[in-house]
Amino acid sequence: MLERKSPAGIARATTSVNDFLLAAPRGGYFFLFFGDAMETVGILGCGALGTALAHGWQRENMRVLATRKSQDRSGHSITWCRDNAELLAQSSVIVLATKPKDAIEVLASLRGHVRDEHVFASVAAGVDLGQLRTALGARATLIRAMPNVAARAGRAMTALSFEADATERCKTQCHTLFARLGRVREVDESALDLYTALAGSGPAFVSIAIEGFADGAVRAGLHRNAALEVATQAFLGAAQLMADGMLASELRDMIATPAGCTVEGLAVLESGAVRATYASAIWATVEKLKSRFRS
């Protein structure tokens, strides 16, 4: 249910952890979303990333509505809407997950269906808030969010960027929404390309390393399934230790002993410039993102 409150009324409003309480300054009103508003999210253009987000929110017992161009509308308990207008009619929180090249056109087509209380979170890489606002018009709250496909497992890394007039309440509740998918950081919009490359594209780069580990184990005699299981767990374990604060150098020193087998393997990696290659991959991804929308 939507309530319209005066600024003084905001101080008296109480919420629970599961309430979506969002203050939007546009139009001079504050909009409060209670109950089902936080538990329902609409995904506009539900492709690979949108589906990962849907699965992540469903793990948190949220209701997900979605649209997509493809006629294949199978999905894990996703409620498919006939069109984007129907999705906006049933959702207060909408994730714009179309391909970046389609984002502006899709937003512009929705102007007649947008309400002040709508919150749009764009995950379209490279399309900035200024472009999105011009297409959407003056109504609704608009943010950019850069999550990744690990949202499917509740292990996403999401960067959020807000317009200059976003309220602290808006920021807090958007953080809460995306924190259901994993970790969240608020960043300046100018840094989003870097976060997109590192967090968004990063899992694809890591997958190559895991496969490489498994390939080496298979070559040494381990069955493929076992090799993938062990390699994946090795990455998960190392990642958790570093997430808990251990430095990469400390982790290596814990394992490697002088003239030992680990040192021999590390020497091979360094001779192959693996570290520099990964750094170059991130750099190239950032540059591609920056150039995509230069005109």
C-alpha atoms as a PDB file:
ATOM      1  CA  MET A   1       0.000   0.000   0.000  1.00  0.00           C
ATOM      2  CA  LEU A   2       1.221   3.505  -0.821  1.00  0.00           C
ATOM      3  CA  GLU A   3       0.969   6.266   1.737  1.00  0.00           C
ATOM      4  CA  ARG A   4       1.714   9.901   1.052  1.00  0.00           C
ATOM      5  CA  LYS A   5       3.200  11.609   4.112  1.00  0.00           C
ATOM      6  CA  SER A   6       4.334  15.086   4.968  1.00  0.00           C
ATOM      7  CA  PRO A   7       8.020  15.504   5.922  1.00  0.00           C
ATOM      8  CA  ALA A   8       6.942  15.806   9.563  1.00  0.00           C
ATOM      9  CA  GLY A   9       5.080  12.534   9.250  1.00  0.00           C
ATOM     10  CA  ILE A  10       8.233  10.755   8.154  1.00  0.00           C
ATOM     11  CA  ALA A  11       9.733  11.069  11.628  1.00  0.00           C
ATOM     12  CA  ARG A  12       6.714   9.368  13.134  1.00  0.00           C
ATOM     13  CA  ALA A  13       6.570   6.500  10.644  1.00  0.00           C
ATOM     14  CA  THR A  14       7.803   3.146  11.927  1.00  0.00           C
ATOM     15  CA  THR A  15       8.966   0.232   9.825  1.00  0.00           C
ATOM     16  CA  SER A  16      10.147  -3.333  10.184  1.00  0.00           C
ATOM     17  CA  VAL A  17      13.187  -4.946   8.560  1.00  0.00           C
ATOM     18  CA  ASN A  18      11.002  -6.257   5.729  1.00  0.00           C
ATOM     19  CA  ASP A  19       9.412  -2.890   4.913  1.00  0.00           C
ATOM     20  CA  PHE A  20      10.530  -0.963   1.877  1.00  0.00           C
ATOM     21  CA  LEU A  21      10.512   2.591   3.132  1.00  0.00           C
ATOM     22  CA  LEU A  22      11.724   4.957   0.466  1.00  0.00           C
ATOM     23  CA  ALA A  23      11.540   8.726   0.427  1.00  0.00           C
ATOM     24  CA  ALA A  24      11.452  10.278  -3.031  1.00  0.00           C
ATOM     25  CA  PRO A  25      11.686  14.069  -3.233  1.00  0.00           C
ATOM     26  CA  ARG A  26      10.325  14.429  -6.761  1.00  0.00           C
ATOM     27  CA  GLY A  27       7.062  16.332  -6.935  1.00  0.00           C
ATOM     28  CA  GLY A  28       7.427  17.559  -3.350  1.00  0.00           C
ATOM     29  CA  TYR A  29       6.081  14.369  -1.767  1.00  0.00           C
ATOM     30  CA  PHE A  30       7.511  11.576   0.304  1.00  0.00           C
ATOM     31  CA  PHE A  31       6.346   8.122  -0.674  1.00  0.00           C
ATOM     32  CA  LEU A  32       6.332   5.250   1.778  1.00  0.00           C
ATOM     33  CA  PHE A  33       6.221   1.670   0.568  1.00  0.00           C
ATOM     34  CA  PHE A  34       5.111  -0.919   3.062  1.00  0.00           C
ATOM     35  CA  GLY A  35       4.782  -4.685   3.110  1.00  0.00           C
ATOM     36  CA  ASP A  36       4.432  -6.190  -0.355  1.00  0.00           C
ATOM     37  CA  ALA A  37       6.309  -3.347  -2.060  1.00  0.00           C
ATOM     38  CA  MET A  38       9.595  -4.598  -0.633  1.00  0.00           C
ATOM     39  CA  GLU A  39       8.660  -8.194  -1.357  1.00  0.00           C
ATOM     40  CA  THR A  40       7.886  -7.640  -5.061  1.00  0.00           C
ATOM     41  CA  VAL A  41      10.338  -6.508  -7.719  1.00  0.00           C
ATOM     42  CA  GLY A  42       9.803  -6.158 -11.465  1.00  0.00           C
ATOM     43  CA  ILE A  43      12.564  -6.976 -13.933  1.00  0.00           C
ATOM     44  CA  LEU A  44      12.174  -5.278 -17.280  1.00  0.00           C
ATOM     45  CA  GLY A  45      14.109  -7.226 -19.931  1.00  0.00           C
ATOM     46  CA  CYS A  46      14.869 -10.414 -18.027  1.00  0.00           C
ATOM     47  CA  GLY A  47      17.870 -11.882 -19.851  1.00  0.00           C
ATOM     48  CA  ALA A  48      20.912 -13.604 -18.340  1.00  0.00           C
ATOM     49  CA  LEU A  49      21.647 -10.995 -15.661  1.00  0.00           C
ATOM     50  CA  GLY A  50      17.969 -10.339 -14.975  1.00  0.00           C
ATOM     51  CA  THR A  51      17.358 -14.052 -14.471  1.00  0.00           C
ATOM     52  CA  ALA A  52      20.290 -14.273 -12.044  1.00  0.00           C
ATOM     53  CA  LEU A  53      18.828 -11.352 -10.070  1.00  0.00           C
ATOM     54  CA  ALA A  54      15.412 -12.994 -10.105  1.00  0.00           C
ATOM     55  CA  HIS A  55      16.778 -16.246  -8.709  1.00  0.00           C
ATOM     56  CA  GLY A  56      18.693 -14.353  -6.035  1.00  0.00           C
ATOM     57  CA  TRP A  57      15.661 -12.424  -4.840  1.00  0.00           C
ATOM     58  CA  GLN A  58      13.534 -15.551  -4.956  1.00  0.00           C
ATOM     59  CA  ARG A  59      16.047 -17.194  -2.605  1.00  0.00           C
ATOM     60  CA  GLU A  60      14.997 -14.397  -0.237  1.00  0.00           C
ATOM     61  CA  ASN A  61      11.305 -15.271  -0.739  1.00  0.00           C
ATOM     62  CA  MET A  62      10.588 -12.215  -2.848  1.00  0.00           C
ATOM     63  CA  ARG A  63       8.011 -12.202  -5.637  1.00  0.00           C
ATOM     64  CA  VAL A  64       9.505 -11.458  -9.050  1.00  0.00           C
ATOM     65  CA  LEU A  65       7.594 -10.111 -12.057  1.00  0.00           C
ATOM     66  CA  ALA A  66       9.358  -9.891 -15.419  1.00  0.00           C
ATOM     67  CA  THR A  67       9.193  -9.225 -19.133  1.00  0.00           C
ATOM     68  CA  ARG A  68      11.517 -10.250 -21.950  1.00  0.00           C
ATOM     69  CA  LYS A  69      11.586 -10.103 -25.739  1.00  0.00           C
ATOM     70  CA  SER A  70      12.226 -13.809 -26.138  1.00  0.00           C
ATOM     71  CA  GLN A  71       9.262 -16.141 -26.422  1.00  0.00           C
ATOM     72  CA  ASP A  72      11.040 -18.505 -24.034  1.00  0.00           C
ATOM     73  CA  ARG A  73       9.541 -17.442 -20.735  1.00  0.00           C
ATOM     74  CA  SER A  74      10.465 -20.406 -18.616  1.00  0.00           C
ATOM     75  CA  GLY A  75      11.895 -19.423 -15.285  1.00  0.00           C
ATOM     76  CA  HIS A  76      12.076 -20.420 -11.652  1.00  0.00           C
ATOM     77  CA  SER A  77       8.725 -19.177 -10.282  1.00  0.00           C
ATOM     78  CA  ILE A  78       8.971 -15.931 -12.234  1.00  0.00           C
ATOM     79  CA  THR A  79       5.602 -14.306 -12.966  1.00  0.00           C
ATOM     80  CA  TRP A  80       5.715 -13.173 -16.586  1.00  0.00           C
ATOM     81  CA  CYS A  81       3.803 -10.024 -17.523  1.00  0.00           C
ATOM     82  CA  ARG A  82       2.233  -9.539 -20.934  1.00  0.00           C
ATOM     83  CA  ASP A  83       4.168  -6.338 -21.533  1.00  0.00           C
ATOM     84  CA  ASN A  84       6.152  -3.601 -19.824  1.00  0.00           C
ATOM     85  CA  ALA A  85       3.046  -1.542 -19.072  1.00  0.00           C
ATOM     86  CA  GLU A  86       1.555  -4.400 -17.078  1.00  0.00           C
ATOM     87  CA  LEU A  87       4.819  -4.823 -15.175  1.00  0.00           C
ATOM     88  CA  LEU A  88       4.854  -1.132 -14.188  1.00  0.00           C
ATOM     89  CA  ALA A  89       1.222  -1.345 -13.099  1.00  0.00           C
ATOM     90  CA  GLN A  90       2.026  -4.189 -10.697  1.00  0.00           C
ATOM     91  CA  SER A  91       5.488  -3.164  -9.451  1.00  0.00           C
ATOM     92  CA  SER A  92       6.816  -0.177  -7.543  1.00  0.00           C
ATOM     93  CA  VAL A  93      10.450  -1.277  -7.825  1.00  0.00           C
ATOM     94  CA  ILE A  94      11.626  -1.947 -11.383  1.00  0.00           C
ATOM     95  CA  VAL A  95      15.021  -3.200 -12.509  1.00  0.00           C
ATOM     96  CA  LEU A  96      15.889  -2.090 -16.037  1.00  0.00           C
ATOM     97  CA  ALA A  97      17.830  -5.117 -17.294  1.00  0.00           C
ATOM     98  CA  THR A  98      17.556  -4.655 -21.056  1.00  0.00           C
ATOM     99  CA  LYS A  99      20.602  -4.680 -23.295  1.00  0.00           C
ATOM    100  CA  PRO A 100      22.393  -1.321 -22.927  1.00  0.00           C
ATOM    101  CA  LYS A 101      21.669  -0.373 -26.543  1.00  0.00           C
ATOM    102  CA  ASP A 102      17.938  -0.721 -25.869  1.00  0.00           C
ATOM    103  CA  ALA A 103      17.759   0.993 -22.470  1.00  0.00           C
ATOM    104  CA  ILE A 104      17.047   4.544 -23.620  1.00  0.00           C
ATOM    105  CA  GLU A 105      14.367   3.539 -26.109  1.00  0.00           C
ATOM    106  CA  VAL A 106      12.633   1.275 -23.605  1.00  0.00           C
ATOM    107  CA  LEU A 107      12.601   3.924 -20.867  1.00  0.00           C
ATOM    108  CA  ALA A 108      11.256   6.567 -23.250  1.00  0.00           C
ATOM    109  CA  SER A 109       8.435   4.215 -24.261  1.00  0.00           C
ATOM    110  CA  LEU A 110       7.352   3.909 -20.621  1.00  0.00           C
ATOM    111  CA  ARG A 111       6.823   7.596 -19.870  1.00  0.00           C
ATOM    112  CA  GLY A 112       3.045   7.348 -20.021  1.00  0.00           C
ATOM    113  CA  HIS A 113       3.035   4.526 -17.470  1.00  0.00           C
ATOM    114  CA  VAL A 114       5.510   5.916 -14.909  1.00  0.00           C
ATOM    115  CA  ARG A 115       4.258   6.973 -11.486  1.00  0.00           C
ATOM    116  CA  ASP A 116       6.028   9.209  -8.986  1.00  0.00           C
ATOM    117  CA  GLU A 117       6.365   6.312  -6.571  1.00  0.00           C
ATOM    118  CA  HIS A 118       8.219   4.093  -9.032  1.00  0.00           C
ATOM    119  CA  VAL A 119      11.858   3.304  -8.330  1.00  0.00           C
ATOM    120  CA  PHE A 120      13.935   2.398 -11.399  1.00  0.00           C
ATOM    121  CA  ALA A 121      17.261   0.636 -10.907  1.00  0.00           C
ATOM    122  CA  SER A 122      19.160   0.416 -14.188  1.00  0.00           C
ATOM    123  CA  VAL A 123      21.725  -2.359 -14.612  1.00  0.00           C
ATOM    124  CA  ALA A 124      22.449  -1.321 -18.213  1.00  0.00           C
ATOM    125  CA  ALA A 125      26.238  -0.999 -18.414  1.00  0.00           C
ATOM    126  CA  GLY A 126      27.587   2.259 -19.790  1.00  0.00           C
ATOM    127  CA  VAL A 127      24.293   4.189 -19.862  1.00  0.00           C
ATOM    128  CA  ASP A 128      24.644   7.078 -17.429  1.00  0.00           C
ATOM    129  CA  LEU A 129      22.092   8.639 -15.117  1.00  0.00           C
ATOM    130  CA  GLY A 130      21.803  11.754 -17.258  1.00  0.00           C
ATOM    131  CA  GLN A 131      20.832   9.740 -20.321  1.00  0.00           C
ATOM    132  CA  LEU A 132      18.442   7.616 -18.303  1.00  0.00           C
ATOM    133  CA  ARG A 133      16.774  10.640 -16.688  1.00  0.00           C
ATOM    134  CA  THR A 134      16.305  12.374 -20.033  1.00  0.00           C
ATOM    135  CA  ALA A 135      14.606   9.281 -21.416  1.00  0.00           C
ATOM    136  CA  LEU A 136      12.476   8.619 -18.330  1.00  0.00           C
ATOM    137  CA  GLY A 137      11.365  12.174 -17.634  1.00  0.00           C
ATOM    138  CA  ALA A 138      11.035  13.943 -14.290  1.00  0.00           C
ATOM    139  CA  ARG A 139       8.899  11.369 -12.512  1.00  0.00           C
ATOM    140  CA  ALA A 140      10.088   8.455 -10.353  1.00  0.00           C
ATOM    141  CA  THR A 141      13.326   7.742  -8.501  1.00  0.00           C
ATOM    142  CA  LEU A 142      16.275   6.590 -10.605  1.00  0.00           C
ATOM    143  CA  ILE A 143      19.470   4.781  -9.610  1.00  0.00           C
ATOM    144  CA  ARG A 144      22.150   2.753 -11.339  1.00  0.00           C
ATOM    145  CA  ALA A 145      23.108  -0.640  -9.989  1.00  0.00           C
ATOM    146  CA  MET A 146      25.930  -2.878 -11.190  1.00  0.00           C
ATOM    147  CA  PRO A 147      25.425  -6.393  -9.764  1.00  0.00           C
ATOM    148  CA  ASN A 148      26.718  -9.636 -11.256  1.00  0.00           C
ATOM    149  CA  VAL A 149      25.468 -13.125 -12.052  1.00  0.00           C
ATOM    150  CA  ALA A 150      26.623 -14.404  -8.654  1.00  0.00           C
ATOM    151  CA  ALA A 151      23.343 -12.910  -7.413  1.00  0.00           C
ATOM    152  CA  ARG A 152      21.880 -16.275  -8.352  1.00  0.00           C
ATOM    153  CA  ALA A 153      23.802 -17.785  -5.423  1.00  0.00           C
ATOM    154  CA  GLY A 154      23.424 -14.806  -3.082  1.00  0.00           C
ATOM    155  CA  ARG A 155      27.104 -13.902  -3.644  1.00  0.00           C
ATOM    156  CA  ALA A 156      26.812 -10.817  -5.839  1.00  0.00           C
ATOM    157  CA  MET A 157      28.958  -7.707  -5.597  1.00  0.00           C
ATOM    158  CA  THR A 158      26.765  -4.714  -6.417  1.00  0.00           C
ATOM    159  CA  ALA A 159      27.832  -1.099  -6.903  1.00  0.00           C
ATOM    160  CA  LEU A 160      25.108   1.544  -6.506  1.00  0.00           C
ATOM    161  CA  SER A 161      25.151   5.099  -7.822  1.00  0.00           C
ATOM    162  CA  PHE A 162      22.485   7.712  -7.093  1.00  0.00           C
ATOM    163  CA  GLU A 163      21.347  11.028  -8.472  1.00  0.00           C
ATOM    164  CA  ALA A 164      22.486  14.126  -6.600  1.00  0.00           C
ATOM    165  CA  ASP A 165      19.106  14.680  -4.924  1.00  0.00           C
ATOM    166  CA  ALA A 166      18.684  11.108  -3.640  1.00  0.00           C
ATOM    167  CA  THR A 167      17.736  11.026   0.035  1.00  0.00           C
ATOM    168  CA  GLU A 168      19.596   9.026   2.657  1.00  0.00           C
ATOM    169  CA  ARG A 169      16.443   7.010   3.192  1.00  0.00           C
ATOM    170  CA  CYS A 170      16.359   6.150  -0.507  1.00  0.00           C
ATOM    171  CA  LYS A 171      19.994   5.084  -0.384  1.00  0.00           C
ATOM    172  CA  THR A 172      19.500   2.959   2.713  1.00  0.00           C
ATOM    173  CA  GLN A 173      16.554   1.067   1.296  1.00  0.00           C
ATOM    174  CA  CYS A 174      18.214   0.482  -2.084  1.00  0.00           C
ATOM    175  CA  HIS A 175      21.215  -0.874  -0.200  1.00  0.00           C
ATOM    176  CA  THR A 176      18.848  -3.174   1.691  1.00  0.00           C
ATOM    177  CA  LEU A 177      17.237  -4.444  -1.505  1.00  0.00           C
ATOM    178  CA  PHE A 178      20.516  -5.316  -3.224  1.00  0.00           C
ATOM    179  CA  ALA A 179      22.137  -6.587  -0.017  1.00  0.00           C
ATOM    180  CA  ARG A 180      19.731  -9.510  -0.307  1.00  0.00           C
ATOM    181  CA  LEU A 181      21.874 -10.584  -3.266  1.00  0.00           C
ATOM    182  CA  GLY A 182      25.295 -10.215  -1.620  1.00  0.00           C
ATOM    183  CA  ARG A 183      27.613  -7.309  -0.849  1.00  0.00           C
ATOM    184  CA  VAL A 184      26.882  -3.678  -1.780  1.00  0.00           C
ATOM    185  CA  ARG A 185      29.000  -0.570  -2.180  1.00  0.00           C
ATOM    186  CA  GLU A 186      27.889   2.966  -3.003  1.00  0.00           C
ATOM    187  CA  VAL A 187      30.219   4.566  -5.541  1.00  0.00           C
ATOM    188  CA  ASP A 188      30.442   7.683  -7.628  1.00  0.00           C
ATOM    189  CA  GLU A 189      28.960   7.134 -11.058  1.00  0.00           C
ATOM    190  CA  SER A 190      32.328   7.827 -12.665  1.00  0.00           C
ATOM    191  CA  ALA A 191      33.615   4.589 -11.084  1.00  0.00           C
ATOM    192  CA  LEU A 192      30.830   2.333 -12.352  1.00  0.00           C
ATOM    193  CA  ASP A 193      32.680   1.240 -15.492  1.00  0.00           C
ATOM    194  CA  LEU A 194      35.494  -0.051 -13.301  1.00  0.00           C
ATOM    195  CA  TYR A 195      33.088  -1.890 -11.008  1.00  0.00           C
ATOM    196  CA  THR A 196      31.312  -3.343 -14.032  1.00  0.00           C
ATOM    197  CA  ALA A 197      34.593  -4.730 -15.356  1.00  0.00           C
ATOM    198  CA  LEU A 198      35.812  -6.034 -12.013  1.00  0.00           C
ATOM    199  CA  ALA A 199      32.588  -7.385 -10.502  1.00  0.00           C
ATOM    200  CA  GLY A 200      30.357  -7.779 -13.557  1.00  0.00           C
ATOM    201  CA  SER A 201      32.839  -9.349 -15.966  1.00  0.00           C
ATOM    202  CA  GLY A 202      35.103 -10.750 -13.255  1.00  0.00           C
ATOM    203  CA  PRO A 203      33.272 -14.069 -12.766  1.00  0.00           C
ATOM    204  CA  ALA A 204      33.842 -14.894 -16.444  1.00  0.00           C
ATOM    205  CA  PHE A 205      37.572 -14.316 -16.019  1.00  0.00           C
ATOM    206  CA  VAL A 206      37.696 -16.362 -12.819  1.00  0.00           C
ATOM    207  CA  SER A 207      35.906 -19.236 -14.572  1.00  0.00           C
ATOM    208  CA  ILE A 208      38.850 -19.554 -16.971  1.00  0.00           C
ATOM    209  CA  ALA A 209      41.256 -19.854 -14.043  1.00  0.00           C
ATOM    210  CA  ILE A 210      39.121 -22.541 -12.401  1.00  0.00           C
ATOM    211  CA  GLU A 211      38.956 -24.489 -15.667  1.00  0.00           C
ATOM    212  CA  GLY A 212      42.709 -24.154 -16.051  1.00  0.00           C
ATOM    213  CA  PHE A 213      43.241 -25.627 -12.583  1.00  0.00           C
ATOM    214  CA  ALA A 214      40.919 -28.503 -13.423  1.00  0.00           C
ATOM    215  CA  ASP A 215      42.608 -29.105 -16.789  1.00  0.00           C
ATOM    216  CA  GLY A 216      45.962 -29.471 -15.048  1.00  0.00           C
ATOM    217  CA  ALA A 217      44.515 -31.947 -12.571  1.00  0.00           C
ATOM    218  CA  VAL A 218      42.946 -33.992 -15.372  1.00  0.00           C
ATOM    219  CA  ARG A 219      46.276 -34.062 -17.148  1.00  0.00           C
ATOM    220  CA  ALA A 220      47.797 -35.420 -13.943  1.00  0.00           C
ATOM    221  CA  GLY A 221      45.194 -38.172 -13.732  1.00  0.00           C
ATOM    222  CA  LEU A 222      42.145 -36.831 -11.841  1.00  0.00           C
ATOM    223  CA  HIS A 223      38.651 -37.331 -13.265  1.00  0.00           C
ATOM    224  CA  ARG A 224      37.057 -34.166 -14.678  1.00  0.00           C
ATOM    225  CA  ASN A 225      34.195 -33.911 -12.184  1.00  0.00           C
ATOM    226  CA  ALA A 226      36.483 -34.346  -9.211  1.00  0.00           C
ATOM    227  CA  ALA A 227      38.974 -31.872 -10.659  1.00  0.00           C
ATOM    228  CA  LEU A 228      36.286 -29.206 -11.086  1.00  0.00           C
ATOM    229  CA  GLU A 229      34.941 -29.791  -7.589  1.00  0.00           C
ATOM    230  CA  VAL A 230      38.360 -29.443  -5.980  1.00  0.00           C
ATOM    231  CA  ALA A 231      39.381 -26.450  -8.101  1.00  0.00           C
ATOM    232  CA  THR A 232      36.128 -24.639  -7.380  1.00  0.00           C
ATOM    233  CA  GLN A 233      36.412 -25.279  -3.652  1.00  0.00           C
ATOM    234  CA  ALA A 234      40.024 -24.059  -3.676  1.00  0.00           C
ATOM    235  CA  PHE A 235      38.869 -20.750  -5.173  1.00  0.00           C
ATOM    236  CA  LEU A 236      35.957 -20.472  -2.747  1.00  0.00           C
ATOM    237  CA  GLY A 237      38.216 -21.135   0.228  1.00  0.00           C
ATOM    238  CA  ALA A 238      40.872 -18.656  -0.858  1.00  0.00           C
ATOM    239  CA  ALA A 239      38.219 -16.045  -1.618  1.00  0.00           C
ATOM    240  CA  GLN A 240      36.660 -16.464   1.835  1.00  0.00           C
ATOM    241  CA  LEU A 241      39.994 -16.093   3.589  1.00  0.00           C
ATOM    242  CA  MET A 242      40.720 -12.892   1.679  1.00  0.00           C
ATOM    243  CA  ALA A 243      37.157 -11.636   2.241  1.00  0.00           C
ATOM    244  CA  ASP A 244      37.823 -12.135   5.947  1.00  0.00           C
ATOM    245  CA  GLY A 245      40.846  -9.842   5.727  1.00  0.00           C
ATOM    246  CA  MET A 246      43.813 -12.036   4.839  1.00  0.00           C
ATOM    247  CA  LEU A 247      46.223 -10.485   2.357  1.00  0.00           C
ATOM    248  CA  ALA A 248      47.053 -12.393  -0.820  1.00  0.00           C
ATOM    249  CA  SER A 249      50.724 -12.413   0.130  1.00  0.00           C
ATOM    250  CA  GLU A 250      49.885 -13.823   3.576  1.00  0.00           C
ATOM    251  CA  LEU A 251      47.825 -16.578   2.004  1.00  0.00           C
ATOM    252  CA  ARG A 252      50.669 -17.561  -0.332  1.00  0.00           C
ATOM    253  CA  ASP A 253      53.186 -17.529   2.518  1.00  0.00           C
ATOM    254  CA  MET A 254      50.955 -19.833   4.577  1.00  0.00           C
ATOM    255  CA  ILE A 255      51.078 -22.458   1.844  1.00  0.00           C
ATOM    256  CA  ALA A 256      54.414 -22.085   0.071  1.00  0.00           C
ATOM    257  CA  THR A 257      57.551 -23.470   1.714  1.00  0.00           C
ATOM    258  CA  PRO A 258      61.101 -22.864   0.447  1.00  0.00           C
ATOM    259  CA  ALA A 259      61.942 -25.122  -2.510  1.00  0.00           C
ATOM    260  CA  GLY A 260      58.507 -26.741  -2.177  1.00  0.00           C
ATOM    261  CA  CYS A 261      55.965 -27.806  -4.781  1.00  0.00           C
ATOM    262  CA  THR A 262      53.786 -24.688  -4.372  1.00  0.00           C
ATOM    263  CA  VAL A 263      56.757 -22.430  -5.052  1.00  0.00           C
ATOM    264  CA  GLU A 264      57.391 -24.398  -8.241  1.00  0.00           C
ATOM    265  CA  GLY A 265      53.819 -23.819  -9.385  1.00  0.00           C
ATOM    266  CA  LEU A 266      53.933 -20.128  -8.487  1.00  0.00           C
ATOM    267  CA  ALA A 267      57.087 -19.746 -10.572  1.00  0.00           C
ATOM    268  CA  VAL A 268      55.250 -21.148 -13.594  1.00  0.00           C
ATOM    269  CA  LEU A 269      52.373 -18.710 -13.088  1.00  0.00           C
ATOM    270  CA  GLU A 270      54.736 -15.751 -12.779  1.00  0.00           C
ATOM    271  CA  SER A 271      56.691 -16.811 -15.872  1.00  0.00           C
ATOM    272  CA  GLY A 272      53.414 -16.867 -17.784  1.00  0.00           C
ATOM    273  CA  ALA A 273      52.570 -13.324 -16.607  1.00  0.00           C
ATOM    274  CA  VAL A 274      49.213 -14.505 -15.262  1.00  0.00           C
ATOM    275  CA  ARG A 275      48.921 -11.562 -12.878  1.00  0.00           C
ATOM    276  CA  ALA A 276      49.638  -9.030 -15.646  1.00  0.00           C
ATOM    277  CA  THR A 277      47.270 -10.806 -18.025  1.00  0.00           C
ATOM    278  CA  TYR A 278      44.387 -10.562 -15.573  1.00  0.00           C
ATOM    279  CA  ALA A 279      45.178  -6.894 -14.919  1.00  0.00           C
ATOM    280  CA  SER A 280      45.172  -6.268 -18.680  1.00  0.00           C
ATOM    281  CA  ALA A 281      41.840  -8.038 -19.041  1.00  0.00           C
ATOM    282  CA  ILE A 282      40.241  -5.680 -16.497  1.00  0.00           C
ATOM    283  CA  TRP A 283      41.832  -2.659 -18.178  1.00  0.00           C
ATOM    284  CA  ALA A 284      40.610  -3.727 -21.627  1.00  0.00           C
ATOM    285  CA  THR A 285      37.096  -4.287 -20.309  1.00  0.00           C
ATOM    286  CA  VAL A 286      36.985  -0.813 -18.750  1.00  0.00           C
ATOM    287  CA  GLU A 287      38.219   0.788 -21.965  1.00  0.00           C
ATOM    288  CA  LYS A 288      35.575  -1.055 -23.977  1.00  0.00           C
ATOM    289  CA  LEU A 289      32.860   0.172 -21.628  1.00  0.00           C
ATOM    290  CA  LYS A 290      34.115   3.751 -21.896  1.00  0.00           C
ATOM    291  CA  SER A 291      34.289   3.657 -25.686  1.00  0.00           C
ATOM    292  CA  ARG A 292      30.939   1.944 -26.236  1.00  0.00           C
ATOM    293  CA  PHE A 293      28.919   5.095 -25.668  1.00  0.00           C
ATOM    294  CA  ARG A 294      31.348   7.678 -26.957  1.00  0.00           C
ATOM    295  CA  SER A 295      29.950   9.475 -29.968  1.00  0.00           C
END
